Amino acid sequence: DGQAGQAAYSASKGAIVGMTLPMARDLASLGIRVCTIAPGIFETPMMAASPDKVRDSLCKAIPFPSRFGRPEEYAAYVETIMLNPYLNGEVTRLDGAVRMG
């Protein structure tokens, strides 16, 4: 993914996705699970400093809920992953279905 002009960003994201399953495979014998969260746009100090016009435009691209993610939502998802010992080697998106927008 990534927006126009973000080829390097997209490549680095792809590398992380590509490493998830092999790392899970390599570390399974040690009892270590590997899961990757691919977050969408979250409310951060950097986003809070963005002009309203930029923030509004970005939010319109998020189908539902049409807003930025909240840190507590990210933390809750991390907890979900930690509490489910059968989840391993997966990449999941946490982004309000922005890909549909």
PDB file of N, CA and C in Angstrom:
ATOM      1  N   ASP A   1       0.848  -1.171   0.000  1.00  0.00           N
ATOM      2  CA  ASP A   1       0.000   0.000   0.000  1.00  0.00           C
ATOM      3  C   ASP A   1       0.893   1.233   0.000  1.00  0.00           C
ATOM      4  N   GLY A   2       0.416   2.289   0.509  1.00  0.00           N
ATOM      5  CA  GLY A   2       1.171   3.535   0.526  1.00  0.00           C
ATOM      6  C   GLY A   2       0.616   4.504  -0.495  1.00  0.00           C
ATOM      7  N   GLN A   3       0.792   5.756  -0.221  1.00  0.00           N
ATOM      8  CA  GLN A   3       0.280   6.801  -1.100  1.00  0.00           C
ATOM      9  C   GLN A   3       1.308   7.142  -2.164  1.00  0.00           C
ATOM     10  N   ALA A   4       0.926   7.986  -3.105  1.00  0.00           N
ATOM     11  CA  ALA A   4       1.839   8.423  -4.162  1.00  0.00           C
ATOM     12  C   ALA A   4       3.109   8.991  -3.537  1.00  0.00           C
ATOM     13  N   GLY A   5       4.243   8.615  -4.086  1.00  0.00           N
ATOM     14  CA  GLY A   5       5.518   9.098  -3.567  1.00  0.00           C
ATOM     15  C   GLY A   5       6.045   8.313  -2.381  1.00  0.00           C
ATOM     16  N   GLN A   6       5.405   7.210  -2.039  1.00  0.00           N
ATOM     17  CA  GLN A   6       5.808   6.435  -0.863  1.00  0.00           C
ATOM     18  C   GLN A   6       6.319   5.049  -1.231  1.00  0.00           C
ATOM     19  N   ALA A   7       7.083   4.958  -2.308  1.00  0.00           N
ATOM     20  CA  ALA A   7       7.594   3.649  -2.742  1.00  0.00           C
ATOM     21  C   ALA A   7       8.475   3.008  -1.675  1.00  0.00           C
ATOM     22  N   ALA A   8       9.360   3.785  -1.065  1.00  0.00           N
ATOM     23  CA  ALA A   8      10.252   3.230  -0.039  1.00  0.00           C
ATOM     24  C   ALA A   8       9.449   2.766   1.175  1.00  0.00           C
ATOM     25  N   TYR A   9       8.463   3.543   1.565  1.00  0.00           N
ATOM     26  CA  TYR A   9       7.599   3.167   2.682  1.00  0.00           C
ATOM     27  C   TYR A   9       6.884   1.854   2.376  1.00  0.00           C
ATOM     28  N   SER A  10       6.334   1.765   1.187  1.00  0.00           N
ATOM     29  CA  SER A  10       5.610   0.562   0.792  1.00  0.00           C
ATOM     30  C   SER A  10       6.528  -0.655   0.747  1.00  0.00           C
ATOM     31  N   ALA A  11       7.745  -0.463   0.263  1.00  0.00           N
ATOM     32  CA  ALA A  11       8.705  -1.571   0.201  1.00  0.00           C
ATOM     33  C   ALA A  11       9.071  -2.061   1.598  1.00  0.00           C
ATOM     34  N   SER A  12       9.264  -1.134   2.529  1.00  0.00           N
ATOM     35  CA  SER A  12       9.622  -1.546   3.892  1.00  0.00           C
ATOM     36  C   SER A  12       8.455  -2.274   4.554  1.00  0.00           C
ATOM     37  N   LYS A  13       7.247  -1.828   4.270  1.00  0.00           N
ATOM     38  CA  LYS A  13       6.061  -2.491   4.808  1.00  0.00           C
ATOM     39  C   LYS A  13       5.950  -3.910   4.241  1.00  0.00           C
ATOM     40  N   GLY A  14       6.222  -4.048   2.952  1.00  0.00           N
ATOM     41  CA  GLY A  14       6.190  -5.360   2.313  1.00  0.00           C
ATOM     42  C   GLY A  14       7.226  -6.305   2.887  1.00  0.00           C
ATOM     43  N   ALA A  15       8.382  -5.764   3.246  1.00  0.00           N
ATOM     44  CA  ALA A  15       9.431  -6.594   3.842  1.00  0.00           C
ATOM     45  C   ALA A  15       8.982  -7.149   5.192  1.00  0.00           C
ATOM     46  N   ILE A  16       8.326  -6.330   5.974  1.00  0.00           N
ATOM     47  CA  ILE A  16       7.840  -6.789   7.283  1.00  0.00           C
ATOM     48  C   ILE A  16       6.792  -7.885   7.105  1.00  0.00           C
ATOM     49  N   VAL A  17       5.882  -7.677   6.172  1.00  0.00           N
ATOM     50  CA  VAL A  17       4.859  -8.690   5.888  1.00  0.00           C
ATOM     51  C   VAL A  17       5.525  -9.989   5.446  1.00  0.00           C
ATOM     52  N   GLY A  18       6.528  -9.882   4.578  1.00  0.00           N
ATOM     53  CA  GLY A  18       7.222 -11.060   4.070  1.00  0.00           C
ATOM     54  C   GLY A  18       8.021 -11.809   5.118  1.00  0.00           C
ATOM     55  N   MET A  19       8.441 -11.138   6.173  1.00  0.00           N
ATOM     56  CA  MET A  19       9.229 -11.786   7.231  1.00  0.00           C
ATOM     57  C   MET A  19       8.369 -12.486   8.272  1.00  0.00           C
ATOM     58  N   THR A  20       7.104 -12.130   8.363  1.00  0.00           N
ATOM     59  CA  THR A  20       6.267 -12.624   9.455  1.00  0.00           C
ATOM     60  C   THR A  20       6.182 -14.144   9.503  1.00  0.00           C
ATOM     61  N   LEU A  21       5.791 -14.785   8.431  1.00  0.00           N
ATOM     62  CA  LEU A  21       5.632 -16.241   8.436  1.00  0.00           C
ATOM     63  C   LEU A  21       6.963 -16.972   8.610  1.00  0.00           C
ATOM     64  N   PRO A  22       8.032 -16.608   7.887  1.00  0.00           N
ATOM     65  CA  PRO A  22       9.305 -17.298   8.116  1.00  0.00           C
ATOM     66  C   PRO A  22       9.819 -17.141   9.551  1.00  0.00           C
ATOM     67  N   MET A  23       9.626 -15.959  10.137  1.00  0.00           N
ATOM     68  CA  MET A  23      10.054 -15.779  11.529  1.00  0.00           C
ATOM     69  C   MET A  23       9.237 -16.655  12.465  1.00  0.00           C
ATOM     70  N   ALA A  24       7.926 -16.735  12.221  1.00  0.00           N
ATOM     71  CA  ALA A  24       7.074 -17.596  13.053  1.00  0.00           C
ATOM     72  C   ALA A  24       7.523 -19.043  12.942  1.00  0.00           C
ATOM     73  N   ARG A  25       7.852 -19.454  11.746  1.00  0.00           N
ATOM     74  CA  ARG A  25       8.319 -20.829  11.510  1.00  0.00           C
ATOM     75  C   ARG A  25       9.646 -21.067  12.247  1.00  0.00           C
ATOM     76  N   ASP A  26      10.577 -20.135  12.116  1.00  0.00           N
ATOM     77  CA  ASP A  26      11.897 -20.289  12.728  1.00  0.00           C
ATOM     78  C   ASP A  26      11.854 -20.273  14.254  1.00  0.00           C
ATOM     79  N   LEU A  27      10.924 -19.525  14.819  1.00  0.00           N
ATOM     80  CA  LEU A  27      10.895 -19.360  16.274  1.00  0.00           C
ATOM     81  C   LEU A  27       9.902 -20.281  16.984  1.00  0.00           C
ATOM     82  N   ALA A  28       9.109 -21.018  16.223  1.00  0.00           N
ATOM     83  CA  ALA A  28       8.087 -21.887  16.822  1.00  0.00           C
ATOM     84  C   ALA A  28       8.688 -22.907  17.783  1.00  0.00           C
ATOM     85  N   SER A  29       9.837 -23.465  17.438  1.00  0.00           N
ATOM     86  CA  SER A  29      10.448 -24.486  18.307  1.00  0.00           C
ATOM     87  C   SER A  29      10.872 -23.913  19.652  1.00  0.00           C
ATOM     88  N   LEU A  30      10.982 -22.604  19.740  1.00  0.00           N
ATOM     89  CA  LEU A  30      11.334 -21.944  20.999  1.00  0.00           C
ATOM     90  C   LEU A  30      10.094 -21.461  21.752  1.00  0.00           C
ATOM     91  N   GLY A  31       8.919 -21.732  21.188  1.00  0.00           N
ATOM     92  CA  GLY A  31       7.682 -21.298  21.829  1.00  0.00           C
ATOM     93  C   GLY A  31       7.398 -19.817  21.637  1.00  0.00           C
ATOM     94  N   ILE A  32       7.984 -19.233  20.610  1.00  0.00           N
ATOM     95  CA  ILE A  32       7.787 -17.806  20.340  1.00  0.00           C
ATOM     96  C   ILE A  32       6.873 -17.655  19.132  1.00  0.00           C
ATOM     97  N   ARG A  33       5.827 -16.868  19.293  1.00  0.00           N
ATOM     98  CA  ARG A  33       4.907 -16.578  18.197  1.00  0.00           C
ATOM     99  C   ARG A  33       5.273 -15.242  17.563  1.00  0.00           C
ATOM    100  N   VAL A  34       4.958 -15.099  16.285  1.00  0.00           N
ATOM    101  CA  VAL A  34       5.215 -13.848  15.573  1.00  0.00           C
ATOM    102  C   VAL A  34       3.939 -13.432  14.852  1.00  0.00           C
ATOM    103  N   CYS A  35       3.447 -12.266  15.184  1.00  0.00           N
ATOM    104  CA  CYS A  35       2.283 -11.697  14.512  1.00  0.00           C
ATOM    105  C   CYS A  35       2.609 -10.257  14.149  1.00  0.00           C
ATOM    106  N   THR A  36       2.080  -9.819  13.036  1.00  0.00           N
ATOM    107  CA  THR A  36       2.314  -8.457  12.579  1.00  0.00           C
ATOM    108  C   THR A  36       0.989  -7.725  12.501  1.00  0.00           C
ATOM    109  N   ILE A  37       0.974  -6.515  13.020  1.00  0.00           N
ATOM    110  CA  ILE A  37      -0.188  -5.642  12.891  1.00  0.00           C
ATOM    111  C   ILE A  37       0.166  -4.594  11.845  1.00  0.00           C
ATOM    112  N   ALA A  38      -0.685  -4.471  10.843  1.00  0.00           N
ATOM    113  CA  ALA A  38      -0.516  -3.445   9.812  1.00  0.00           C
ATOM    114  C   ALA A  38      -1.521  -2.334  10.119  1.00  0.00           C
ATOM    115  N   PRO A  39      -1.085  -1.322  10.856  1.00  0.00           N
ATOM    116  CA  PRO A  39      -2.030  -0.292  11.273  1.00  0.00           C
ATOM    117  C   PRO A  39      -2.344   0.698  10.162  1.00  0.00           C
ATOM    118  N   GLY A  40      -3.541   1.225  10.237  1.00  0.00           N
ATOM    119  CA  GLY A  40      -3.920   2.321   9.358  1.00  0.00           C
ATOM    120  C   GLY A  40      -3.442   3.626   9.971  1.00  0.00           C
ATOM    121  N   ILE A  41      -4.224   4.660   9.785  1.00  0.00           N
ATOM    122  CA  ILE A  41      -3.854   5.978  10.299  1.00  0.00           C
ATOM    123  C   ILE A  41      -4.372   6.099  11.723  1.00  0.00           C
ATOM    124  N   PHE A  42      -3.458   6.341  12.634  1.00  0.00           N
ATOM    125  CA  PHE A  42      -3.818   6.458  14.040  1.00  0.00           C
ATOM    126  C   PHE A  42      -3.591   7.876  14.535  1.00  0.00           C
ATOM    127  N   GLU A  43      -4.357   8.225  15.549  1.00  0.00           N
ATOM    128  CA  GLU A  43      -4.222   9.531  16.183  1.00  0.00           C
ATOM    129  C   GLU A  43      -2.896   9.556  16.928  1.00  0.00           C
ATOM    130  N   THR A  44      -1.987  10.356  16.450  1.00  0.00           N
ATOM    131  CA  THR A  44      -0.664  10.505  17.048  1.00  0.00           C
ATOM    132  C   THR A  44      -0.375  11.994  17.168  1.00  0.00           C
ATOM    133  N   PRO A  45       0.648  12.374  17.922  1.00  0.00           N
ATOM    134  CA  PRO A  45       1.007  13.791  17.969  1.00  0.00           C
ATOM    135  C   PRO A  45       1.293  14.368  16.572  1.00  0.00           C
ATOM    136  N   MET A  46       1.896  13.567  15.693  1.00  0.00           N
ATOM    137  CA  MET A  46       2.174  14.048  14.339  1.00  0.00           C
ATOM    138  C   MET A  46       0.865  14.327  13.589  1.00  0.00           C
ATOM    139  N   MET A  47      -0.103  13.420  13.711  1.00  0.00           N
ATOM    140  CA  MET A  47      -1.385  13.632  13.030  1.00  0.00           C
ATOM    141  C   MET A  47      -2.149  14.794  13.657  1.00  0.00           C
ATOM    142  N   ALA A  48      -2.050  14.932  14.957  1.00  0.00           N
ATOM    143  CA  ALA A  48      -2.737  16.034  15.635  1.00  0.00           C
ATOM    144  C   ALA A  48      -2.203  17.382  15.161  1.00  0.00           C
ATOM    145  N   ALA A  49      -0.937  17.421  14.756  1.00  0.00           N
ATOM    146  CA  ALA A  49      -0.326  18.665  14.287  1.00  0.00           C
ATOM    147  C   ALA A  49      -0.620  18.943  12.815  1.00  0.00           C
ATOM    148  N   SER A  50      -1.243  17.992  12.128  1.00  0.00           N
ATOM    149  CA  SER A  50      -1.557  18.177  10.707  1.00  0.00           C
ATOM    150  C   SER A  50      -2.694  19.181  10.540  1.00  0.00           C
ATOM    151  N   PRO A  51      -2.698  19.903   9.433  1.00  0.00           N
ATOM    152  CA  PRO A  51      -3.800  20.846   9.184  1.00  0.00           C
ATOM    153  C   PRO A  51      -5.142  20.112   9.107  1.00  0.00           C
ATOM    154  N   ASP A  52      -6.198  20.789   9.529  1.00  0.00           N
ATOM    155  CA  ASP A  52      -7.534  20.189   9.520  1.00  0.00           C
ATOM    156  C   ASP A  52      -7.911  19.666   8.138  1.00  0.00           C
ATOM    157  N   LYS A  53      -7.534  20.388   7.103  1.00  0.00           N
ATOM    158  CA  LYS A  53      -7.866  19.971   5.735  1.00  0.00           C
ATOM    159  C   LYS A  53      -7.250  18.602   5.415  1.00  0.00           C
ATOM    160  N   VAL A  54      -6.022  18.394   5.851  1.00  0.00           N
ATOM    161  CA  VAL A  54      -5.337  17.115   5.629  1.00  0.00           C
ATOM    162  C   VAL A  54      -6.012  16.015   6.439  1.00  0.00           C
ATOM    163  N   ARG A  55      -6.279  16.297   7.699  1.00  0.00           N
ATOM    164  CA  ARG A  55      -6.931  15.311   8.573  1.00  0.00           C
ATOM    165  C   ARG A  55      -8.299  14.911   8.017  1.00  0.00           C
ATOM    166  N   ASP A  56      -9.076  15.903   7.598  1.00  0.00           N
ATOM    167  CA  ASP A  56     -10.409  15.618   7.056  1.00  0.00           C
ATOM    168  C   ASP A  56     -10.324  14.759   5.803  1.00  0.00           C
ATOM    169  N   SER A  57      -9.378  15.072   4.943  1.00  0.00           N
ATOM    170  CA  SER A  57      -9.201  14.305   3.709  1.00  0.00           C
ATOM    171  C   SER A  57      -8.828  12.854   4.010  1.00  0.00           C
ATOM    172  N   LEU A  58      -7.930  12.658   4.951  1.00  0.00           N
ATOM    173  CA  LEU A  58      -7.517  11.303   5.321  1.00  0.00           C
ATOM    174  C   LEU A  58      -8.673  10.525   5.943  1.00  0.00           C
ATOM    175  N   CYS A  59      -9.439  11.167   6.797  1.00  0.00           N
ATOM    176  CA  CYS A  59     -10.572  10.491   7.442  1.00  0.00           C
ATOM    177  C   CYS A  59     -11.624  10.064   6.425  1.00  0.00           C
ATOM    178  N   LYS A  60     -11.817  10.857   5.389  1.00  0.00           N
ATOM    179  CA  LYS A  60     -12.814  10.512   4.366  1.00  0.00           C
ATOM    180  C   LYS A  60     -12.446   9.233   3.625  1.00  0.00           C
ATOM    181  N   ALA A  61     -11.179   8.868   3.634  1.00  0.00           N
ATOM    182  CA  ALA A  61     -10.729   7.648   2.945  1.00  0.00           C
ATOM    183  C   ALA A  61     -10.957   6.392   3.780  1.00  0.00           C
ATOM    184  N   ILE A  62     -11.351   6.560   5.029  1.00  0.00           N
ATOM    185  CA  ILE A  62     -11.555   5.425   5.936  1.00  0.00           C
ATOM    186  C   ILE A  62     -13.049   5.111   5.976  1.00  0.00           C
ATOM    187  N   PRO A  63     -13.461   3.934   5.454  1.00  0.00           N
ATOM    188  CA  PRO A  63     -14.889   3.621   5.347  1.00  0.00           C
ATOM    189  C   PRO A  63     -15.650   3.603   6.675  1.00  0.00           C
ATOM    190  N   PHE A  64     -15.181   2.818   7.637  1.00  0.00           N
ATOM    191  CA  PHE A  64     -15.914   2.733   8.897  1.00  0.00           C
ATOM    192  C   PHE A  64     -15.045   2.136   9.984  1.00  0.00           C
ATOM    193  N   PRO A  65     -14.933   2.811  11.104  1.00  0.00           N
ATOM    194  CA  PRO A  65     -15.439   4.144  11.357  1.00  0.00           C
ATOM    195  C   PRO A  65     -14.570   5.197  10.656  1.00  0.00           C
ATOM    196  N   SER A  66     -15.183   6.227  10.166  1.00  0.00           N
ATOM    197  CA  SER A  66     -14.495   7.247   9.372  1.00  0.00           C
ATOM    198  C   SER A  66     -13.774   8.242  10.289  1.00  0.00           C
ATOM    199  N   ARG A  67     -12.709   7.743  10.877  1.00  0.00           N
ATOM    200  CA  ARG A  67     -11.887   8.534  11.806  1.00  0.00           C
ATOM    201  C   ARG A  67     -10.547   7.845  11.936  1.00  0.00           C
ATOM    202  N   PHE A  68      -9.627   8.492  12.611  1.00  0.00           N
ATOM    203  CA  PHE A  68      -8.332   7.871  12.877  1.00  0.00           C
ATOM    204  C   PHE A  68      -8.489   6.841  13.990  1.00  0.00           C
ATOM    205  N   GLY A  69      -7.617   5.839  13.957  1.00  0.00           N
ATOM    206  CA  GLY A  69      -7.597   4.869  15.037  1.00  0.00           C
ATOM    207  C   GLY A  69      -7.130   5.528  16.326  1.00  0.00           C
ATOM    208  N   ARG A  70      -7.507   4.934  17.421  1.00  0.00           N
ATOM    209  CA  ARG A  70      -7.119   5.458  18.739  1.00  0.00           C
ATOM    210  C   ARG A  70      -6.074   4.531  19.356  1.00  0.00           C
ATOM    211  N   PRO A  71      -5.126   5.099  20.083  1.00  0.00           N
ATOM    212  CA  PRO A  71      -4.088   4.261  20.695  1.00  0.00           C
ATOM    213  C   PRO A  71      -4.652   3.111  21.521  1.00  0.00           C
ATOM    214  N   GLU A  72      -5.741   3.345  22.223  1.00  0.00           N
ATOM    215  CA  GLU A  72      -6.316   2.280  23.056  1.00  0.00           C
ATOM    216  C   GLU A  72      -6.884   1.144  22.202  1.00  0.00           C
ATOM    217  N   GLU A  73      -7.285   1.440  20.972  1.00  0.00           N
ATOM    218  CA  GLU A  73      -7.763   0.384  20.076  1.00  0.00           C
ATOM    219  C   GLU A  73      -6.600  -0.491  19.611  1.00  0.00           C
ATOM    220  N   TYR A  74      -5.482   0.137  19.359  1.00  0.00           N
ATOM    221  CA  TYR A  74      -4.285  -0.620  18.987  1.00  0.00           C
ATOM    222  C   TYR A  74      -3.865  -1.511  20.161  1.00  0.00           C
ATOM    223  N   ALA A  75      -3.838  -0.927  21.354  1.00  0.00           N
ATOM    224  CA  ALA A  75      -3.451  -1.688  22.545  1.00  0.00           C
ATOM    225  C   ALA A  75      -4.398  -2.862  22.780  1.00  0.00           C
ATOM    226  N   ALA A  76      -5.688  -2.653  22.568  1.00  0.00           N
ATOM    227  CA  ALA A  76      -6.663  -3.735  22.754  1.00  0.00           C
ATOM    228  C   ALA A  76      -6.412  -4.865  21.763  1.00  0.00           C
ATOM    229  N   TYR A  77      -6.004  -4.516  20.548  1.00  0.00           N
ATOM    230  CA  TYR A  77      -5.734  -5.564  19.563  1.00  0.00           C
ATOM    231  C   TYR A  77      -4.467  -6.338  19.919  1.00  0.00           C
ATOM    232  N   VAL A  78      -3.462  -5.645  20.409  1.00  0.00           N
ATOM    233  CA  VAL A  78      -2.248  -6.327  20.874  1.00  0.00           C
ATOM    234  C   VAL A  78      -2.610  -7.307  21.985  1.00  0.00           C
ATOM    235  N   GLU A  79      -3.467  -6.877  22.894  1.00  0.00           N
ATOM    236  CA  GLU A  79      -3.899  -7.765  23.983  1.00  0.00           C
ATOM    237  C   GLU A  79      -4.631  -8.989  23.430  1.00  0.00           C
ATOM    238  N   THR A  80      -5.477  -8.788  22.436  1.00  0.00           N
ATOM    239  CA  THR A  80      -6.187  -9.903  21.806  1.00  0.00           C
ATOM    240  C   THR A  80      -5.204 -10.922  21.243  1.00  0.00           C
ATOM    241  N   ILE A  81      -4.190 -10.437  20.554  1.00  0.00           N
ATOM    242  CA  ILE A  81      -3.168 -11.329  19.993  1.00  0.00           C
ATOM    243  C   ILE A  81      -2.454 -12.087  21.112  1.00  0.00           C
ATOM    244  N   MET A  82      -2.091 -11.375  22.157  1.00  0.00           N
ATOM    245  CA  MET A  82      -1.363 -12.011  23.258  1.00  0.00           C
ATOM    246  C   MET A  82      -2.208 -13.068  23.962  1.00  0.00           C
ATOM    247  N   LEU A  83      -3.504 -12.837  24.056  1.00  0.00           N
ATOM    248  CA  LEU A  83      -4.381 -13.757  24.779  1.00  0.00           C
ATOM    249  C   LEU A  83      -4.792 -14.978  23.969  1.00  0.00           C
ATOM    250  N   ASN A  84      -4.510 -14.979  22.670  1.00  0.00           N
ATOM    251  CA  ASN A  84      -4.894 -16.112  21.830  1.00  0.00           C
ATOM    252  C   ASN A  84      -3.639 -16.870  21.404  1.00  0.00           C
ATOM    253  N   PRO A  85      -3.282 -17.927  22.129  1.00  0.00           N
ATOM    254  CA  PRO A  85      -2.039 -18.639  21.840  1.00  0.00           C
ATOM    255  C   PRO A  85      -2.031 -19.384  20.508  1.00  0.00           C
ATOM    256  N   TYR A  86      -3.179 -19.505  19.860  1.00  0.00           N
ATOM    257  CA  TYR A  86      -3.236 -20.218  18.585  1.00  0.00           C
ATOM    258  C   TYR A  86      -2.958 -19.296  17.395  1.00  0.00           C
ATOM    259  N   LEU A  87      -2.902 -18.022  17.646  1.00  0.00           N
ATOM    260  CA  LEU A  87      -2.641 -17.050  16.586  1.00  0.00           C
ATOM    261  C   LEU A  87      -1.134 -16.918  16.396  1.00  0.00           C
ATOM    262  N   ASN A  88      -0.673 -17.257  15.201  1.00  0.00           N
ATOM    263  CA  ASN A  88       0.766 -17.233  14.932  1.00  0.00           C
ATOM    264  C   ASN A  88       0.999 -17.098  13.432  1.00  0.00           C
ATOM    265  N   GLY A  89       2.006 -16.330  13.064  1.00  0.00           N
ATOM    266  CA  GLY A  89       2.404 -16.213  11.667  1.00  0.00           C
ATOM    267  C   GLY A  89       1.450 -15.404  10.812  1.00  0.00           C
ATOM    268  N   GLU A  90       0.662 -14.562  11.417  1.00  0.00           N
ATOM    269  CA  GLU A  90      -0.355 -13.809  10.680  1.00  0.00           C
ATOM    270  C   GLU A  90      -0.053 -12.320  10.628  1.00  0.00           C
ATOM    271  N   VAL A  91      -0.478 -11.713   9.540  1.00  0.00           N
ATOM    272  CA  VAL A  91      -0.456 -10.262   9.384  1.00  0.00           C
ATOM    273  C   VAL A  91      -1.907  -9.815   9.354  1.00  0.00           C
ATOM    274  N   THR A  92      -2.284  -8.920  10.237  1.00  0.00           N
ATOM    275  CA  THR A  92      -3.655  -8.416  10.240  1.00  0.00           C
ATOM    276  C   THR A  92      -3.644  -6.900  10.139  1.00  0.00           C
ATOM    277  N   ARG A  93      -4.629  -6.398   9.435  1.00  0.00           N
ATOM    278  CA  ARG A  93      -4.775  -4.958   9.262  1.00  0.00           C
ATOM    279  C   ARG A  93      -5.701  -4.427  10.353  1.00  0.00           C
ATOM    280  N   LEU A  94      -5.350  -3.291  10.883  1.00  0.00           N
ATOM    281  CA  LEU A  94      -6.179  -2.596  11.867  1.00  0.00           C
ATOM    282  C   LEU A  94      -6.338  -1.175  11.333  1.00  0.00           C
ATOM    283  N   ASP A  95      -7.339  -0.992  10.451  1.00  0.00           N
ATOM    284  CA  ASP A  95      -7.350   0.259   9.689  1.00  0.00           C
ATOM    285  C   ASP A  95      -8.730   0.773   9.284  1.00  0.00           C
ATOM    286  N   GLY A  96      -9.793   0.290   9.902  1.00  0.00           N
ATOM    287  CA  GLY A  96     -11.117   0.777   9.533  1.00  0.00           C
ATOM    288  C   GLY A  96     -11.489   0.456   8.094  1.00  0.00           C
ATOM    289  N   ALA A  97     -10.881  -0.598   7.550  1.00  0.00           N
ATOM    290  CA  ALA A  97     -11.129  -1.048   6.170  1.00  0.00           C
ATOM    291  C   ALA A  97     -10.751   0.006   5.134  1.00  0.00           C
ATOM    292  N   VAL A  98      -9.670   0.737   5.395  1.00  0.00           N
ATOM    293  CA  VAL A  98      -9.245   1.817   4.495  1.00  0.00           C
ATOM    294  C   VAL A  98      -8.997   1.316   3.072  1.00  0.00           C
ATOM    295  N   ARG A  99      -8.676   0.056   2.936  1.00  0.00           N
ATOM    296  CA  ARG A  99      -8.415  -0.520   1.615  1.00  0.00           C
ATOM    297  C   ARG A  99      -9.668  -0.475   0.731  1.00  0.00           C
ATOM    298  N   MET A 100     -10.844  -0.458   1.354  1.00  0.00           N
ATOM    299  CA  MET A 100     -12.093  -0.403   0.583  1.00  0.00           C
ATOM    300  C   MET A 100     -12.390   0.997   0.067  1.00  0.00           C
ATOM    301  N   GLY A 101     -11.805   2.008   0.721  1.00  0.00           N
ATOM    302  CA  GLY A 101     -12.126   3.399   0.409  1.00  0.00           C
ATOM    303  C   GLY A 101     -11.711   3.860  -0.956  1.00  0.00           C
TER     304      GLY A 101
END
